[in-house]
Amino acid sequence: MTGSSVVRGWNSNLYFLRAGPAAELLALLRYAVTQLRVLRLGFMYLQGDFYGRTEYEQAQDVMSKMGYEFCGVFTVKTASSGEADPNEFDDVWKRFAATQPQAVIVFGSPLAATGEFVTRMLKDDRTAGAYLLASVGLQPTVLDTWRAAVAGGVKFVPGQVITTGTNPLAKDARHEAIQRFQAVMQD
């Protein structure tokens, strides 16, 4: 299972069990703009990874077509350990937090740098009230980090973290894709 658009392609013997990153991105953008109605939307991704840069470029394109732009973008290079240079992280964070986003779309990989970003989002007064919107692939990282921050004294805000959902269950035969999947699995 993958969250990257880079490795997705047609294969009659392969079923993706979740929506592609592009679909998740569009769902998060739509939700931020039409439901949350935020004026200051930020974006986070990590450099040097197969996940995030393409989605950021797509998000920029969609936002510009609507007459919007991101108030701030947080992006840092990560090492193979999943961590970013602490000085670079601090510098980029200061600039990003100064934009005071009302919501942030997080498209980093489930790495230490993404966890650190979420922690800072929740602890910094300039960003603590912002919505965190993430793809379903980041759900464990975001929720574990959020729970740890709340256990450490950060105020719990219901509805502050929003993630995309997964596809229907394999037994939910109302969908053609699930019907095809069931037929192939019975052969």
C-alpha atoms as a PDB file:
ATOM      1  CA  MET A   1       0.000   0.000   0.000  1.00  0.00           C
ATOM      2  CA  THR A   2       1.337   3.409  -0.893  1.00  0.00           C
ATOM      3  CA  GLY A   3       0.473   7.027  -0.389  1.00  0.00           C
ATOM      4  CA  SER A   4       2.716   8.286  -3.184  1.00  0.00           C
ATOM      5  CA  SER A   5       1.437   9.292  -6.616  1.00  0.00           C
ATOM      6  CA  VAL A   6       4.839   8.388  -8.063  1.00  0.00           C
ATOM      7  CA  VAL A   7       4.334   4.626  -7.853  1.00  0.00           C
ATOM      8  CA  ARG A   8       0.651   4.457  -8.722  1.00  0.00           C
ATOM      9  CA  GLY A   9      -0.353   3.168 -12.120  1.00  0.00           C
ATOM     10  CA  TRP A  10      -2.719   0.717 -13.757  1.00  0.00           C
ATOM     11  CA  ASN A  11      -2.202  -2.958 -12.980  1.00  0.00           C
ATOM     12  CA  SER A  12      -5.126  -5.370 -13.356  1.00  0.00           C
ATOM     13  CA  ASN A  13      -3.791  -7.487 -10.473  1.00  0.00           C
ATOM     14  CA  LEU A  14      -3.337  -4.659  -8.016  1.00  0.00           C
ATOM     15  CA  TYR A  15      -6.030  -2.896  -6.008  1.00  0.00           C
ATOM     16  CA  PHE A  16      -5.333   0.334  -4.168  1.00  0.00           C
ATOM     17  CA  LEU A  17      -7.180   0.275  -0.883  1.00  0.00           C
ATOM     18  CA  ARG A  18      -7.334   4.014  -0.434  1.00  0.00           C
ATOM     19  CA  ALA A  19      -7.828   7.097  -2.513  1.00  0.00           C
ATOM     20  CA  GLY A  20      -4.815   8.528  -4.283  1.00  0.00           C
ATOM     21  CA  PRO A  21      -2.954  11.509  -2.864  1.00  0.00           C
ATOM     22  CA  ALA A  22      -4.434  13.821  -5.507  1.00  0.00           C
ATOM     23  CA  ALA A  23      -7.986  12.886  -4.499  1.00  0.00           C
ATOM     24  CA  GLU A  24      -7.172  13.278  -0.809  1.00  0.00           C
ATOM     25  CA  LEU A  25      -5.576  16.657  -1.475  1.00  0.00           C
ATOM     26  CA  LEU A  26      -8.604  17.923  -3.383  1.00  0.00           C
ATOM     27  CA  ALA A  27     -10.916  16.720  -0.607  1.00  0.00           C
ATOM     28  CA  LEU A  28      -8.829  18.541   2.025  1.00  0.00           C
ATOM     29  CA  LEU A  29      -8.653  21.743  -0.042  1.00  0.00           C
ATOM     30  CA  ARG A  30     -12.388  21.666  -0.665  1.00  0.00           C
ATOM     31  CA  TYR A  31     -13.108  21.109   3.013  1.00  0.00           C
ATOM     32  CA  ALA A  32     -10.783  23.928   4.113  1.00  0.00           C
ATOM     33  CA  VAL A  33     -12.257  26.414   1.650  1.00  0.00           C
ATOM     34  CA  THR A  34     -15.964  25.503   1.677  1.00  0.00           C
ATOM     35  CA  GLN A  35     -16.561  24.112   5.163  1.00  0.00           C
ATOM     36  CA  LEU A  36     -13.954  25.704   7.408  1.00  0.00           C
ATOM     37  CA  ARG A  37     -13.955  28.866   5.245  1.00  0.00           C
ATOM     38  CA  VAL A  38     -10.471  29.819   6.391  1.00  0.00           C
ATOM     39  CA  LEU A  39      -8.751  32.834   4.892  1.00  0.00           C
ATOM     40  CA  ARG A  40      -5.225  31.826   5.926  1.00  0.00           C
ATOM     41  CA  LEU A  41      -4.450  28.289   4.790  1.00  0.00           C
ATOM     42  CA  GLY A  42      -0.952  26.852   5.170  1.00  0.00           C
ATOM     43  CA  PHE A  43       0.734  23.821   3.660  1.00  0.00           C
ATOM     44  CA  MET A  44       3.423  21.461   4.997  1.00  0.00           C
ATOM     45  CA  TYR A  45       5.544  18.918   3.149  1.00  0.00           C
ATOM     46  CA  LEU A  46       9.038  17.436   3.421  1.00  0.00           C
ATOM     47  CA  GLN A  47      11.711  17.781   0.732  1.00  0.00           C
ATOM     48  CA  GLY A  48      13.592  14.803  -0.658  1.00  0.00           C
ATOM     49  CA  ASP A  49      10.669  12.408  -0.330  1.00  0.00           C
ATOM     50  CA  PHE A  50       8.302  10.794  -2.840  1.00  0.00           C
ATOM     51  CA  TYR A  51       5.358  12.377  -1.111  1.00  0.00           C
ATOM     52  CA  GLY A  52       4.441  16.018  -0.791  1.00  0.00           C
ATOM     53  CA  ARG A  53       6.152  18.094  -3.471  1.00  0.00           C
ATOM     54  CA  THR A  54       3.834  17.016  -6.294  1.00  0.00           C
ATOM     55  CA  GLU A  55       0.804  17.494  -4.061  1.00  0.00           C
ATOM     56  CA  TYR A  56       2.024  20.948  -3.043  1.00  0.00           C
ATOM     57  CA  GLU A  57       2.382  21.971  -6.697  1.00  0.00           C
ATOM     58  CA  GLN A  58      -1.108  20.657  -7.439  1.00  0.00           C
ATOM     59  CA  ALA A  59      -2.503  22.491  -4.415  1.00  0.00           C
ATOM     60  CA  GLN A  60      -0.835  25.729  -5.528  1.00  0.00           C
ATOM     61  CA  ASP A  61      -2.390  25.334  -8.969  1.00  0.00           C
ATOM     62  CA  VAL A  62      -5.877  24.680  -7.588  1.00  0.00           C
ATOM     63  CA  MET A  63      -5.617  27.561  -5.118  1.00  0.00           C
ATOM     64  CA  SER A  64      -4.466  30.011  -7.797  1.00  0.00           C
ATOM     65  CA  LYS A  65      -7.388  29.030 -10.042  1.00  0.00           C
ATOM     66  CA  MET A  66      -9.715  29.971  -7.169  1.00  0.00           C
ATOM     67  CA  GLY A  67      -7.894  33.263  -6.647  1.00  0.00           C
ATOM     68  CA  TYR A  68      -6.222  32.123  -3.419  1.00  0.00           C
ATOM     69  CA  GLU A  69      -2.692  31.419  -2.288  1.00  0.00           C
ATOM     70  CA  PHE A  70      -1.225  29.751   0.755  1.00  0.00           C
ATOM     71  CA  CYS A  71      -0.435  32.151   3.581  1.00  0.00           C
ATOM     72  CA  GLY A  72       2.642  30.099   4.421  1.00  0.00           C
ATOM     73  CA  VAL A  73       4.457  26.948   3.382  1.00  0.00           C
ATOM     74  CA  PHE A  74       6.554  24.849   5.732  1.00  0.00           C
ATOM     75  CA  THR A  75       9.075  22.625   3.976  1.00  0.00           C
ATOM     76  CA  VAL A  76      12.433  21.278   5.135  1.00  0.00           C
ATOM     77  CA  LYS A  77      14.924  18.703   3.886  1.00  0.00           C
ATOM     78  CA  THR A  78      14.963  15.477   5.849  1.00  0.00           C
ATOM     79  CA  ALA A  79      17.774  13.015   6.405  1.00  0.00           C
ATOM     80  CA  SER A  80      17.352   9.280   5.928  1.00  0.00           C
ATOM     81  CA  SER A  81      16.589   9.139   9.661  1.00  0.00           C
ATOM     82  CA  GLY A  82      13.425  11.164   9.029  1.00  0.00           C
ATOM     83  CA  GLU A  83      14.749  14.113  10.994  1.00  0.00           C
ATOM     84  CA  ALA A  84      15.492  17.611   9.737  1.00  0.00           C
ATOM     85  CA  ASP A  85      18.412  19.857  10.602  1.00  0.00           C
ATOM     86  CA  PRO A  86      17.301  21.545  13.869  1.00  0.00           C
ATOM     87  CA  ASN A  87      18.539  24.996  12.813  1.00  0.00           C
ATOM     88  CA  GLU A  88      16.790  24.828   9.441  1.00  0.00           C
ATOM     89  CA  PHE A  89      13.631  23.509  11.106  1.00  0.00           C
ATOM     90  CA  ASP A  90      13.647  26.396  13.613  1.00  0.00           C
ATOM     91  CA  ASP A  91      14.208  29.046  10.919  1.00  0.00           C
ATOM     92  CA  VAL A  92      11.485  27.709   8.641  1.00  0.00           C
ATOM     93  CA  TRP A  93       9.123  27.280  11.610  1.00  0.00           C
ATOM     94  CA  LYS A  94       9.560  30.907  12.715  1.00  0.00           C
ATOM     95  CA  ARG A  95       8.674  32.199   9.246  1.00  0.00           C
ATOM     96  CA  PHE A  96       5.748  29.793   8.908  1.00  0.00           C
ATOM     97  CA  ALA A  97       4.257  30.457  12.364  1.00  0.00           C
ATOM     98  CA  ALA A  98       4.470  34.210  11.747  1.00  0.00           C
ATOM     99  CA  THR A  99       1.818  33.785   9.017  1.00  0.00           C
ATOM    100  CA  GLN A 100      -0.649  32.623  11.709  1.00  0.00           C
ATOM    101  CA  PRO A 101      -2.494  30.053   9.588  1.00  0.00           C
ATOM    102  CA  GLN A 102      -6.067  29.195  10.507  1.00  0.00           C
ATOM    103  CA  ALA A 103      -5.671  25.723   8.993  1.00  0.00           C
ATOM    104  CA  VAL A 104      -2.752  23.700   7.645  1.00  0.00           C
ATOM    105  CA  ILE A 105      -2.760  20.849   5.156  1.00  0.00           C
ATOM    106  CA  VAL A 106      -0.056  18.409   6.256  1.00  0.00           C
ATOM    107  CA  PHE A 107       1.419  16.295   3.433  1.00  0.00           C
ATOM    108  CA  GLY A 108       4.637  15.097   5.039  1.00  0.00           C
ATOM    109  CA  SER A 109       5.600  11.462   5.288  1.00  0.00           C
ATOM    110  CA  PRO A 110       5.093   9.706   8.638  1.00  0.00           C
ATOM    111  CA  LEU A 111       8.574  10.692   9.832  1.00  0.00           C
ATOM    112  CA  ALA A 112      10.032  12.364  12.912  1.00  0.00           C
ATOM    113  CA  ALA A 113      10.052  15.771  11.186  1.00  0.00           C
ATOM    114  CA  THR A 114       6.301  15.542  10.551  1.00  0.00           C
ATOM    115  CA  GLY A 115       5.702  14.647  14.195  1.00  0.00           C
ATOM    116  CA  GLU A 116       7.827  17.609  15.283  1.00  0.00           C
ATOM    117  CA  PHE A 117       5.831  19.893  12.982  1.00  0.00           C
ATOM    118  CA  VAL A 118       2.527  18.719  14.476  1.00  0.00           C
ATOM    119  CA  THR A 119       3.902  19.152  18.000  1.00  0.00           C
ATOM    120  CA  ARG A 120       4.938  22.725  17.265  1.00  0.00           C
ATOM    121  CA  MET A 121       1.590  23.457  15.622  1.00  0.00           C
ATOM    122  CA  LEU A 122      -0.153  22.474  18.837  1.00  0.00           C
ATOM    123  CA  LYS A 123       2.232  24.199  21.254  1.00  0.00           C
ATOM    124  CA  ASP A 124       3.008  27.512  19.537  1.00  0.00           C
ATOM    125  CA  ASP A 125       0.465  30.210  20.458  1.00  0.00           C
ATOM    126  CA  ARG A 126       0.496  31.506  16.861  1.00  0.00           C
ATOM    127  CA  THR A 127      -0.692  28.166  15.468  1.00  0.00           C
ATOM    128  CA  ALA A 128      -2.281  26.308  18.391  1.00  0.00           C
ATOM    129  CA  GLY A 129      -5.840  27.091  17.305  1.00  0.00           C
ATOM    130  CA  ALA A 130      -5.338  26.114  13.658  1.00  0.00           C
ATOM    131  CA  TYR A 131      -7.024  23.097  12.113  1.00  0.00           C
ATOM    132  CA  LEU A 132      -4.715  20.262  11.063  1.00  0.00           C
ATOM    133  CA  LEU A 133      -5.844  18.568   7.851  1.00  0.00           C
ATOM    134  CA  ALA A 134      -4.008  15.392   6.836  1.00  0.00           C
ATOM    135  CA  SER A 135      -4.306  12.411   4.534  1.00  0.00           C
ATOM    136  CA  VAL A 136      -5.362   9.074   5.972  1.00  0.00           C
ATOM    137  CA  GLY A 137      -1.791   7.780   5.631  1.00  0.00           C
ATOM    138  CA  LEU A 138      -0.651  10.318   8.205  1.00  0.00           C
ATOM    139  CA  GLN A 139      -3.486   9.582  10.608  1.00  0.00           C
ATOM    140  CA  PRO A 140      -1.431   7.437  13.038  1.00  0.00           C
ATOM    141  CA  THR A 141       1.435   9.957  13.147  1.00  0.00           C
ATOM    142  CA  VAL A 142      -0.826  12.978  13.573  1.00  0.00           C
ATOM    143  CA  LEU A 143      -3.091  11.378  16.171  1.00  0.00           C
ATOM    144  CA  ASP A 144      -0.239   9.858  18.205  1.00  0.00           C
ATOM    145  CA  THR A 145       1.553  13.215  18.250  1.00  0.00           C
ATOM    146  CA  TRP A 146      -1.679  15.039  19.137  1.00  0.00           C
ATOM    147  CA  ARG A 147      -2.427  12.610  21.985  1.00  0.00           C
ATOM    148  CA  ALA A 148       1.109  13.029  23.358  1.00  0.00           C
ATOM    149  CA  ALA A 149       0.776  16.820  23.222  1.00  0.00           C
ATOM    150  CA  VAL A 150      -2.576  16.690  25.049  1.00  0.00           C
ATOM    151  CA  ALA A 151      -1.059  14.364  27.661  1.00  0.00           C
ATOM    152  CA  GLY A 152       1.700  16.961  28.054  1.00  0.00           C
ATOM    153  CA  GLY A 153      -0.766  19.731  28.816  1.00  0.00           C
ATOM    154  CA  VAL A 154      -1.907  21.037  25.429  1.00  0.00           C
ATOM    155  CA  LYS A 155      -5.622  21.894  25.452  1.00  0.00           C
ATOM    156  CA  PHE A 156      -7.811  19.297  23.731  1.00  0.00           C
ATOM    157  CA  VAL A 157      -9.908  20.895  20.985  1.00  0.00           C
ATOM    158  CA  PRO A 158     -12.524  18.556  19.462  1.00  0.00           C
ATOM    159  CA  GLY A 159     -12.536  18.700  15.659  1.00  0.00           C
ATOM    160  CA  GLN A 160      -9.117  20.351  15.399  1.00  0.00           C
ATOM    161  CA  VAL A 161      -7.574  17.379  13.579  1.00  0.00           C
ATOM    162  CA  ILE A 162      -9.250  16.331  10.339  1.00  0.00           C
ATOM    163  CA  THR A 163      -8.133  13.436   8.146  1.00  0.00           C
ATOM    164  CA  THR A 164      -9.416  11.996   4.918  1.00  0.00           C
ATOM    165  CA  GLY A 165     -11.199   8.674   5.142  1.00  0.00           C
ATOM    166  CA  THR A 166     -10.557   5.329   3.564  1.00  0.00           C
ATOM    167  CA  ASN A 167     -12.491   3.556   0.880  1.00  0.00           C
ATOM    168  CA  PRO A 168     -15.514   1.399   1.724  1.00  0.00           C
ATOM    169  CA  LEU A 169     -15.053  -1.977   3.369  1.00  0.00           C
ATOM    170  CA  ALA A 170     -14.417  -4.950   1.063  1.00  0.00           C
ATOM    171  CA  LYS A 171     -17.818  -6.374   2.061  1.00  0.00           C
ATOM    172  CA  ASP A 172     -19.711  -3.192   1.056  1.00  0.00           C
ATOM    173  CA  ALA A 173     -20.963  -4.332  -2.366  1.00  0.00           C
ATOM    174  CA  ARG A 174     -22.788  -1.096  -3.237  1.00  0.00           C
ATOM    175  CA  HIS A 175     -19.712   0.085  -5.166  1.00  0.00           C
ATOM    176  CA  GLU A 176     -18.657  -1.292  -8.572  1.00  0.00           C
ATOM    177  CA  ALA A 177     -14.986  -1.411  -7.586  1.00  0.00           C
ATOM    178  CA  ILE A 178     -15.818  -3.525  -4.542  1.00  0.00           C
ATOM    179  CA  GLN A 179     -18.022  -5.815  -6.652  1.00  0.00           C
ATOM    180  CA  ARG A 180     -15.135  -6.343  -9.115  1.00  0.00           C
ATOM    181  CA  PHE A 181     -12.734  -6.956  -6.232  1.00  0.00           C
ATOM    182  CA  GLN A 182     -15.069  -9.539  -4.689  1.00  0.00           C
ATOM    183  CA  ALA A 183     -15.509 -11.317  -8.044  1.00  0.00           C
ATOM    184  CA  VAL A 184     -11.762 -11.549  -8.624  1.00  0.00           C
ATOM    185  CA  MET A 185     -11.120 -12.782  -5.087  1.00  0.00           C
ATOM    186  CA  GLN A 186     -13.729 -15.551  -5.506  1.00  0.00           C
ATOM    187  CA  ASP A 187     -12.032 -16.882  -8.679  1.00  0.00           C
END
